[in-house]
Amino acid sequence: MKRDIENLLGYHINVVSHFIQNQYNQKLREHDLTMAQSKVLYFLSEHGEQAQGDMQKRLYIKGSSMNGLVDSLLKKELIHKRQSPEDRRTKLISLTDKGNEIEGQLWSLIDGIEKQLGEGFTSEEQQVIISWLKKMKHNVESLYSE
């Protein structure tokens, strides 16, 4: 069987993902943030206060990584962390005013990167790509939980 990495879907997705993540991290550095930190800010902005464990699962982050993200965002005063009144083991995370302000500023940065990614594609083609990627995500989600 001939092996040809150039015909592997996962290989090309990984390469594109690598370039996108580098681009995001380069732009986010201006705000002293990483892509992972910005995803936490976005998630809290969209969903409000969240249990740290729930957020970790929904963002596909390991526990130790989530702890590091929370610690770094606390030091930057972008989030609050408190104990749940119902269960002292549960930590609730929410945005500070500063975190909410920064999260709002990130959208112009994201918009610029998204425009660059979509160059040469019609909006319909972009929607097809998104649809395909969502299907792939669904196909591999079970691998993450193993």
N, C-alpha and C. Protein backbone atom coordinates (compact mmCIF):
# COMPACT_ATOMS: atom_id res chain seq x y z
N MET A 1 0.83 -1.18 0.00
CA MET A 1 0.00 0.00 0.00
C MET A 1 0.89 1.26 0.00
N LYS A 2 0.67 2.12 -0.95
CA LYS A 2 1.44 3.35 -1.06
C LYS A 2 0.91 4.37 -0.05
N ARG A 3 1.82 4.96 0.69
CA ARG A 3 1.43 5.98 1.66
C ARG A 3 1.73 7.35 1.06
N ASP A 4 0.74 8.25 1.15
CA ASP A 4 0.91 9.60 0.59
C ASP A 4 0.20 10.59 1.51
N ILE A 5 0.99 11.27 2.30
CA ILE A 5 0.44 12.21 3.29
C ILE A 5 -0.35 13.34 2.62
N GLU A 6 0.00 13.66 1.40
CA GLU A 6 -0.67 14.75 0.68
C GLU A 6 -2.13 14.44 0.38
N ASN A 7 -2.54 13.19 0.49
CA ASN A 7 -3.93 12.81 0.26
C ASN A 7 -4.69 12.50 1.55
N LEU A 8 -4.12 12.87 2.68
CA LEU A 8 -4.78 12.63 3.97
C LEU A 8 -5.52 13.88 4.44
N LEU A 9 -6.79 13.72 4.68
CA LEU A 9 -7.64 14.81 5.15
C LEU A 9 -7.14 15.38 6.47
N GLY A 10 -6.86 14.49 7.42
CA GLY A 10 -6.42 14.92 8.74
C GLY A 10 -5.13 15.73 8.68
N TYR A 11 -4.22 15.35 7.79
CA TYR A 11 -2.96 16.06 7.65
C TYR A 11 -3.22 17.52 7.24
N HIS A 12 -4.05 17.72 6.24
CA HIS A 12 -4.31 19.08 5.76
C HIS A 12 -5.09 19.91 6.77
N ILE A 13 -6.01 19.29 7.46
CA ILE A 13 -6.74 20.01 8.51
C ILE A 13 -5.78 20.42 9.62
N ASN A 14 -4.86 19.53 9.97
CA ASN A 14 -3.88 19.84 11.00
C ASN A 14 -2.97 20.99 10.59
N VAL A 15 -2.52 21.00 9.35
CA VAL A 15 -1.65 22.07 8.86
C VAL A 15 -2.38 23.41 8.89
N VAL A 16 -3.61 23.42 8.37
CA VAL A 16 -4.40 24.66 8.36
C VAL A 16 -4.65 25.11 9.80
N SER A 17 -5.01 24.18 10.67
CA SER A 17 -5.26 24.51 12.07
C SER A 17 -4.02 25.12 12.73
N HIS A 18 -2.86 24.55 12.43
CA HIS A 18 -1.60 25.06 12.97
C HIS A 18 -1.38 26.53 12.56
N PHE A 19 -1.58 26.82 11.27
CA PHE A 19 -1.40 28.19 10.79
C PHE A 19 -2.42 29.14 11.41
N ILE A 20 -3.66 28.69 11.53
CA ILE A 20 -4.71 29.53 12.11
C ILE A 20 -4.39 29.82 13.58
N GLN A 21 -4.02 28.80 14.32
CA GLN A 21 -3.71 28.99 15.73
C GLN A 21 -2.52 29.94 15.90
N ASN A 22 -1.50 29.80 15.08
CA ASN A 22 -0.36 30.72 15.15
C ASN A 22 -0.79 32.16 14.86
N GLN A 23 -1.65 32.33 13.86
CA GLN A 23 -2.14 33.66 13.51
C GLN A 23 -2.93 34.27 14.67
N TYR A 24 -3.84 33.48 15.24
CA TYR A 24 -4.61 33.96 16.38
C TYR A 24 -3.70 34.33 17.54
N ASN A 25 -2.76 33.44 17.87
CA ASN A 25 -1.88 33.71 19.00
C ASN A 25 -1.02 34.95 18.77
N GLN A 26 -0.57 35.16 17.54
CA GLN A 26 0.22 36.35 17.22
C GLN A 26 -0.61 37.62 17.46
N LYS A 27 -1.85 37.62 16.99
CA LYS A 27 -2.71 38.80 17.16
C LYS A 27 -3.14 38.95 18.62
N LEU A 28 -3.42 37.84 19.29
CA LEU A 28 -3.87 37.90 20.68
C LEU A 28 -2.77 38.35 21.63
N ARG A 29 -1.52 38.13 21.22
CA ARG A 29 -0.38 38.56 22.05
C ARG A 29 -0.45 40.07 22.33
N GLU A 30 -1.06 40.83 21.40
CA GLU A 30 -1.22 42.27 21.60
C GLU A 30 -2.08 42.56 22.83
N HIS A 31 -2.93 41.59 23.19
CA HIS A 31 -3.79 41.72 24.37
C HIS A 31 -3.29 40.86 25.53
N ASP A 32 -2.08 40.31 25.39
CA ASP A 32 -1.49 39.43 26.39
C ASP A 32 -2.38 38.21 26.66
N LEU A 33 -2.93 37.64 25.58
CA LEU A 33 -3.79 36.48 25.68
C LEU A 33 -3.34 35.39 24.70
N THR A 34 -3.77 34.16 25.00
CA THR A 34 -3.59 33.05 24.06
C THR A 34 -4.96 32.71 23.48
N MET A 35 -4.95 31.85 22.47
CA MET A 35 -6.21 31.43 21.87
C MET A 35 -7.07 30.69 22.90
N ALA A 36 -6.45 29.84 23.70
CA ALA A 36 -7.19 29.10 24.72
C ALA A 36 -7.84 30.05 25.73
N GLN A 37 -7.10 31.07 26.15
CA GLN A 37 -7.66 32.04 27.09
C GLN A 37 -8.82 32.81 26.47
N SER A 38 -8.68 33.16 25.19
CA SER A 38 -9.75 33.92 24.53
C SER A 38 -11.00 33.07 24.38
N LYS A 39 -10.85 31.75 24.18
CA LYS A 39 -12.02 30.87 24.09
C LYS A 39 -12.77 30.84 25.41
N VAL A 40 -12.04 30.86 26.53
CA VAL A 40 -12.69 30.90 27.85
C VAL A 40 -13.47 32.21 28.00
N LEU A 41 -12.86 33.32 27.62
CA LEU A 41 -13.54 34.61 27.71
C LEU A 41 -14.80 34.63 26.86
N TYR A 42 -14.70 34.13 25.63
CA TYR A 42 -15.86 34.09 24.74
C TYR A 42 -16.96 33.23 25.35
N PHE A 43 -16.59 32.06 25.83
CA PHE A 43 -17.57 31.13 26.39
C PHE A 43 -18.31 31.77 27.56
N LEU A 44 -17.58 32.42 28.45
CA LEU A 44 -18.22 33.08 29.59
C LEU A 44 -19.08 34.25 29.15
N SER A 45 -18.65 34.97 28.13
CA SER A 45 -19.44 36.08 27.61
C SER A 45 -20.77 35.58 27.04
N GLU A 46 -20.72 34.46 26.34
CA GLU A 46 -21.92 33.91 25.70
C GLU A 46 -22.85 33.21 26.68
N HIS A 47 -22.29 32.54 27.70
CA HIS A 47 -23.09 31.67 28.56
C HIS A 47 -23.19 32.12 30.01
N GLY A 48 -22.50 33.21 30.36
CA GLY A 48 -22.55 33.68 31.74
C GLY A 48 -21.74 32.78 32.67
N GLU A 49 -21.94 32.99 33.96
CA GLU A 49 -21.18 32.24 34.96
C GLU A 49 -21.33 30.74 34.75
N GLN A 50 -20.20 30.03 34.86
CA GLN A 50 -20.18 28.59 34.58
C GLN A 50 -19.38 27.86 35.65
N ALA A 51 -19.78 26.62 35.92
CA ALA A 51 -18.96 25.75 36.75
C ALA A 51 -17.69 25.43 35.96
N GLN A 52 -16.56 25.47 36.62
CA GLN A 52 -15.29 25.24 35.94
C GLN A 52 -15.27 23.89 35.25
N GLY A 53 -15.78 22.85 35.89
CA GLY A 53 -15.80 21.51 35.29
C GLY A 53 -16.66 21.44 34.04
N ASP A 54 -17.80 22.12 34.07
CA ASP A 54 -18.68 22.12 32.90
C ASP A 54 -18.02 22.84 31.73
N MET A 55 -17.38 23.95 32.03
CA MET A 55 -16.70 24.72 30.99
C MET A 55 -15.56 23.90 30.38
N GLN A 56 -14.85 23.20 31.22
CA GLN A 56 -13.74 22.35 30.77
C GLN A 56 -14.25 21.32 29.76
N LYS A 57 -15.36 20.68 30.07
CA LYS A 57 -15.91 19.67 29.15
C LYS A 57 -16.39 20.29 27.85
N ARG A 58 -17.07 21.41 27.93
CA ARG A 58 -17.62 22.02 26.72
C ARG A 58 -16.56 22.64 25.82
N LEU A 59 -15.39 22.96 26.39
CA LEU A 59 -14.30 23.52 25.60
C LEU A 59 -13.25 22.46 25.23
N TYR A 60 -13.50 21.21 25.62
CA TYR A 60 -12.59 20.10 25.31
C TYR A 60 -11.18 20.35 25.86
N ILE A 61 -11.13 20.73 27.13
CA ILE A 61 -9.86 21.05 27.79
C ILE A 61 -9.66 20.07 28.93
N LYS A 62 -8.45 19.58 29.10
CA LYS A 62 -8.14 18.70 30.23
C LYS A 62 -8.13 19.51 31.53
N GLY A 63 -8.37 18.81 32.64
CA GLY A 63 -8.47 19.47 33.94
C GLY A 63 -7.26 20.31 34.30
N SER A 64 -6.06 19.76 34.11
CA SER A 64 -4.85 20.50 34.47
C SER A 64 -4.70 21.75 33.60
N SER A 65 -5.05 21.64 32.32
CA SER A 65 -4.98 22.80 31.43
C SER A 65 -6.00 23.85 31.82
N MET A 66 -7.19 23.40 32.20
CA MET A 66 -8.24 24.34 32.62
C MET A 66 -7.81 25.09 33.86
N ASN A 67 -7.19 24.39 34.81
CA ASN A 67 -6.69 25.05 36.03
C ASN A 67 -5.69 26.13 35.68
N GLY A 68 -4.78 25.84 34.74
CA GLY A 68 -3.79 26.83 34.32
C GLY A 68 -4.43 28.03 33.66
N LEU A 69 -5.44 27.77 32.82
CA LEU A 69 -6.15 28.88 32.15
C LEU A 69 -6.84 29.77 33.18
N VAL A 70 -7.52 29.13 34.12
CA VAL A 70 -8.24 29.90 35.15
C VAL A 70 -7.25 30.72 35.96
N ASP A 71 -6.14 30.11 36.38
CA ASP A 71 -5.14 30.84 37.17
C ASP A 71 -4.59 32.04 36.41
N SER A 72 -4.28 31.85 35.13
CA SER A 72 -3.71 32.96 34.35
C SER A 72 -4.74 34.07 34.14
N LEU A 73 -5.99 33.71 33.92
CA LEU A 73 -7.03 34.73 33.73
C LEU A 73 -7.37 35.44 35.03
N LEU A 74 -7.25 34.73 36.15
CA LEU A 74 -7.43 35.38 37.46
C LEU A 74 -6.33 36.42 37.70
N LYS A 75 -5.08 36.06 37.39
CA LYS A 75 -3.95 36.98 37.58
C LYS A 75 -4.12 38.24 36.73
N LYS A 76 -4.71 38.08 35.56
CA LYS A 76 -4.94 39.23 34.66
C LYS A 76 -6.21 39.99 35.02
N GLU A 77 -6.91 39.50 36.05
CA GLU A 77 -8.14 40.11 36.55
C GLU A 77 -9.23 40.15 35.48
N LEU A 78 -9.28 39.08 34.66
CA LEU A 78 -10.29 39.00 33.60
C LEU A 78 -11.48 38.14 34.00
N ILE A 79 -11.30 37.32 35.06
CA ILE A 79 -12.39 36.48 35.55
C ILE A 79 -12.45 36.53 37.08
N HIS A 80 -13.61 36.13 37.60
CA HIS A 80 -13.80 35.90 39.04
C HIS A 80 -13.96 34.39 39.22
N LYS A 81 -13.57 33.92 40.40
CA LYS A 81 -13.76 32.50 40.75
C LYS A 81 -14.31 32.45 42.16
N ARG A 82 -15.40 31.69 42.32
CA ARG A 82 -15.98 31.56 43.66
C ARG A 82 -16.52 30.14 43.84
N GLN A 83 -16.72 29.78 45.11
CA GLN A 83 -17.30 28.48 45.41
C GLN A 83 -18.80 28.51 45.14
N SER A 84 -19.32 27.40 44.67
CA SER A 84 -20.76 27.28 44.49
C SER A 84 -21.41 27.17 45.87
N PRO A 85 -22.50 27.89 46.10
CA PRO A 85 -23.19 27.77 47.39
C PRO A 85 -23.82 26.38 47.59
N GLU A 86 -24.11 25.68 46.49
CA GLU A 86 -24.74 24.36 46.59
C GLU A 86 -23.72 23.24 46.83
N ASP A 87 -22.50 23.40 46.28
CA ASP A 87 -21.48 22.36 46.38
C ASP A 87 -20.12 23.04 46.47
N ARG A 88 -19.51 22.97 47.64
CA ARG A 88 -18.25 23.68 47.88
C ARG A 88 -17.11 23.19 46.98
N ARG A 89 -17.24 21.99 46.42
CA ARG A 89 -16.20 21.47 45.52
C ARG A 89 -16.28 22.12 44.15
N THR A 90 -17.43 22.66 43.83
CA THR A 90 -17.64 23.27 42.51
C THR A 90 -17.20 24.72 42.53
N LYS A 91 -16.37 25.07 41.55
CA LYS A 91 -15.91 26.46 41.40
C LYS A 91 -16.67 27.11 40.26
N LEU A 92 -17.22 28.29 40.52
CA LEU A 92 -17.97 29.04 39.52
C LEU A 92 -17.09 30.15 38.96
N ILE A 93 -17.08 30.26 37.64
CA ILE A 93 -16.22 31.23 36.96
C ILE A 93 -17.11 32.22 36.21
N SER A 94 -16.76 33.50 36.31
CA SER A 94 -17.49 34.54 35.57
C SER A 94 -16.51 35.61 35.12
N LEU A 95 -16.94 36.41 34.16
CA LEU A 95 -16.10 37.50 33.65
C LEU A 95 -16.13 38.69 34.58
N THR A 96 -15.01 39.37 34.70
CA THR A 96 -14.97 40.67 35.35
C THR A 96 -15.38 41.70 34.30
N ASP A 97 -15.57 42.94 34.73
CA ASP A 97 -15.85 44.01 33.76
C ASP A 97 -14.70 44.14 32.76
N LYS A 98 -13.47 44.04 33.27
CA LYS A 98 -12.29 44.11 32.40
C LYS A 98 -12.29 42.96 31.39
N GLY A 99 -12.63 41.76 31.85
CA GLY A 99 -12.68 40.59 30.96
C GLY A 99 -13.74 40.75 29.89
N ASN A 100 -14.87 41.30 30.27
CA ASN A 100 -15.96 41.53 29.32
C ASN A 100 -15.55 42.56 28.27
N GLU A 101 -14.86 43.59 28.70
CA GLU A 101 -14.39 44.63 27.78
C GLU A 101 -13.38 44.07 26.78
N ILE A 102 -12.41 43.32 27.28
CA ILE A 102 -11.38 42.73 26.41
C ILE A 102 -12.02 41.75 25.43
N GLU A 103 -12.95 40.93 25.91
CA GLU A 103 -13.60 39.94 25.04
C GLU A 103 -14.29 40.65 23.89
N GLY A 104 -14.92 41.78 24.16
CA GLY A 104 -15.58 42.55 23.11
C GLY A 104 -14.59 43.08 22.08
N GLN A 105 -13.41 43.48 22.53
CA GLN A 105 -12.38 44.00 21.63
C GLN A 105 -11.81 42.93 20.71
N LEU A 106 -11.87 41.68 21.15
CA LEU A 106 -11.28 40.59 20.37
C LEU A 106 -12.04 40.31 19.08
N TRP A 107 -13.29 40.76 19.00
CA TRP A 107 -14.09 40.43 17.82
C TRP A 107 -13.57 41.10 16.55
N SER A 108 -13.02 42.28 16.64
CA SER A 108 -12.47 42.90 15.43
C SER A 108 -11.23 42.13 14.97
N LEU A 109 -10.45 41.65 15.92
CA LEU A 109 -9.28 40.84 15.61
C LEU A 109 -9.72 39.54 14.92
N ILE A 110 -10.71 38.87 15.48
CA ILE A 110 -11.22 37.62 14.91
C ILE A 110 -11.80 37.86 13.53
N ASP A 111 -12.51 38.97 13.37
CA ASP A 111 -13.11 39.28 12.08
C ASP A 111 -12.05 39.40 10.99
N GLY A 112 -10.93 40.03 11.30
CA GLY A 112 -9.85 40.17 10.33
C GLY A 112 -9.27 38.83 9.92
N ILE A 113 -9.05 37.95 10.88
CA ILE A 113 -8.51 36.62 10.57
C ILE A 113 -9.53 35.82 9.76
N GLU A 114 -10.80 35.91 10.12
CA GLU A 114 -11.84 35.17 9.39
C GLU A 114 -11.96 35.65 7.94
N LYS A 115 -11.81 36.94 7.73
CA LYS A 115 -11.85 37.46 6.36
C LYS A 115 -10.70 36.89 5.54
N GLN A 116 -9.52 36.83 6.14
CA GLN A 116 -8.36 36.28 5.45
C GLN A 116 -8.58 34.80 5.13
N LEU A 117 -9.12 34.05 6.08
CA LEU A 117 -9.40 32.62 5.86
C LEU A 117 -10.39 32.40 4.73
N GLY A 118 -11.36 33.29 4.63
CA GLY A 118 -12.43 33.11 3.65
C GLY A 118 -12.14 33.68 2.28
N GLU A 119 -10.96 34.27 2.09
CA GLU A 119 -10.63 34.86 0.79
C GLU A 119 -10.75 33.83 -0.32
N GLY A 120 -11.42 34.21 -1.39
CA GLY A 120 -11.56 33.32 -2.54
C GLY A 120 -12.73 32.36 -2.44
N PHE A 121 -13.44 32.35 -1.31
CA PHE A 121 -14.60 31.48 -1.13
C PHE A 121 -15.86 32.33 -1.09
N THR A 122 -16.91 31.86 -1.71
CA THR A 122 -18.21 32.54 -1.57
C THR A 122 -18.74 32.25 -0.17
N SER A 123 -19.73 33.01 0.26
CA SER A 123 -20.32 32.75 1.58
C SER A 123 -20.97 31.36 1.61
N GLU A 124 -21.51 30.92 0.46
CA GLU A 124 -22.10 29.58 0.40
C GLU A 124 -21.03 28.51 0.57
N GLU A 125 -19.88 28.70 -0.09
CA GLU A 125 -18.79 27.75 0.05
C GLU A 125 -18.28 27.70 1.49
N GLN A 126 -18.21 28.86 2.13
CA GLN A 126 -17.78 28.90 3.52
C GLN A 126 -18.75 28.12 4.40
N GLN A 127 -20.05 28.25 4.13
CA GLN A 127 -21.04 27.51 4.93
C GLN A 127 -20.92 26.01 4.71
N VAL A 128 -20.61 25.60 3.49
CA VAL A 128 -20.40 24.17 3.20
C VAL A 128 -19.20 23.65 3.98
N ILE A 129 -18.11 24.40 3.97
CA ILE A 129 -16.91 24.00 4.71
C ILE A 129 -17.23 23.87 6.20
N ILE A 130 -17.93 24.85 6.74
CA ILE A 130 -18.31 24.80 8.16
C ILE A 130 -19.15 23.56 8.43
N SER A 131 -20.09 23.28 7.55
CA SER A 131 -20.94 22.09 7.71
C SER A 131 -20.09 20.82 7.71
N TRP A 132 -19.15 20.71 6.80
CA TRP A 132 -18.28 19.54 6.74
C TRP A 132 -17.43 19.41 8.00
N LEU A 133 -16.88 20.53 8.45
CA LEU A 133 -16.04 20.49 9.65
C LEU A 133 -16.85 20.09 10.88
N LYS A 134 -18.10 20.53 10.95
CA LYS A 134 -18.97 20.12 12.07
C LYS A 134 -19.23 18.62 12.02
N LYS A 135 -19.41 18.08 10.83
CA LYS A 135 -19.59 16.62 10.69
C LYS A 135 -18.33 15.89 11.16
N MET A 136 -17.16 16.39 10.75
CA MET A 136 -15.91 15.76 11.17
C MET A 136 -15.75 15.84 12.68
N LYS A 137 -16.09 16.98 13.24
CA LYS A 137 -16.01 17.16 14.70
C LYS A 137 -16.87 16.10 15.38
N HIS A 138 -18.07 15.92 14.88
CA HIS A 138 -18.96 14.91 15.44
C HIS A 138 -18.34 13.52 15.32
N ASN A 139 -17.70 13.24 14.20
CA ASN A 139 -17.08 11.92 13.97
C ASN A 139 -15.95 11.64 14.94
N VAL A 140 -15.22 12.66 15.37
CA VAL A 140 -14.05 12.43 16.22
C VAL A 140 -14.29 12.77 17.70
N GLU A 141 -15.43 13.33 18.02
CA GLU A 141 -15.69 13.69 19.42
C GLU A 141 -15.57 12.49 20.36
N SER A 142 -16.02 11.33 19.91
CA SER A 142 -15.96 10.14 20.76
C SER A 142 -14.51 9.76 21.08
N LEU A 143 -13.59 10.08 20.18
CA LEU A 143 -12.18 9.78 20.44
C LEU A 143 -11.64 10.61 21.58
N TYR A 144 -12.16 11.82 21.75
CA TYR A 144 -11.67 12.73 22.79
C TYR A 144 -12.00 12.21 24.18
N SER A 145 -13.16 11.60 24.32
CA SER A 145 -13.60 11.16 25.64
C SER A 145 -12.95 9.86 26.07
N GLU A 146 -12.24 9.19 25.17
CA GLU A 146 -11.61 7.91 25.52
C GLU A 146 -10.39 8.10 26.37
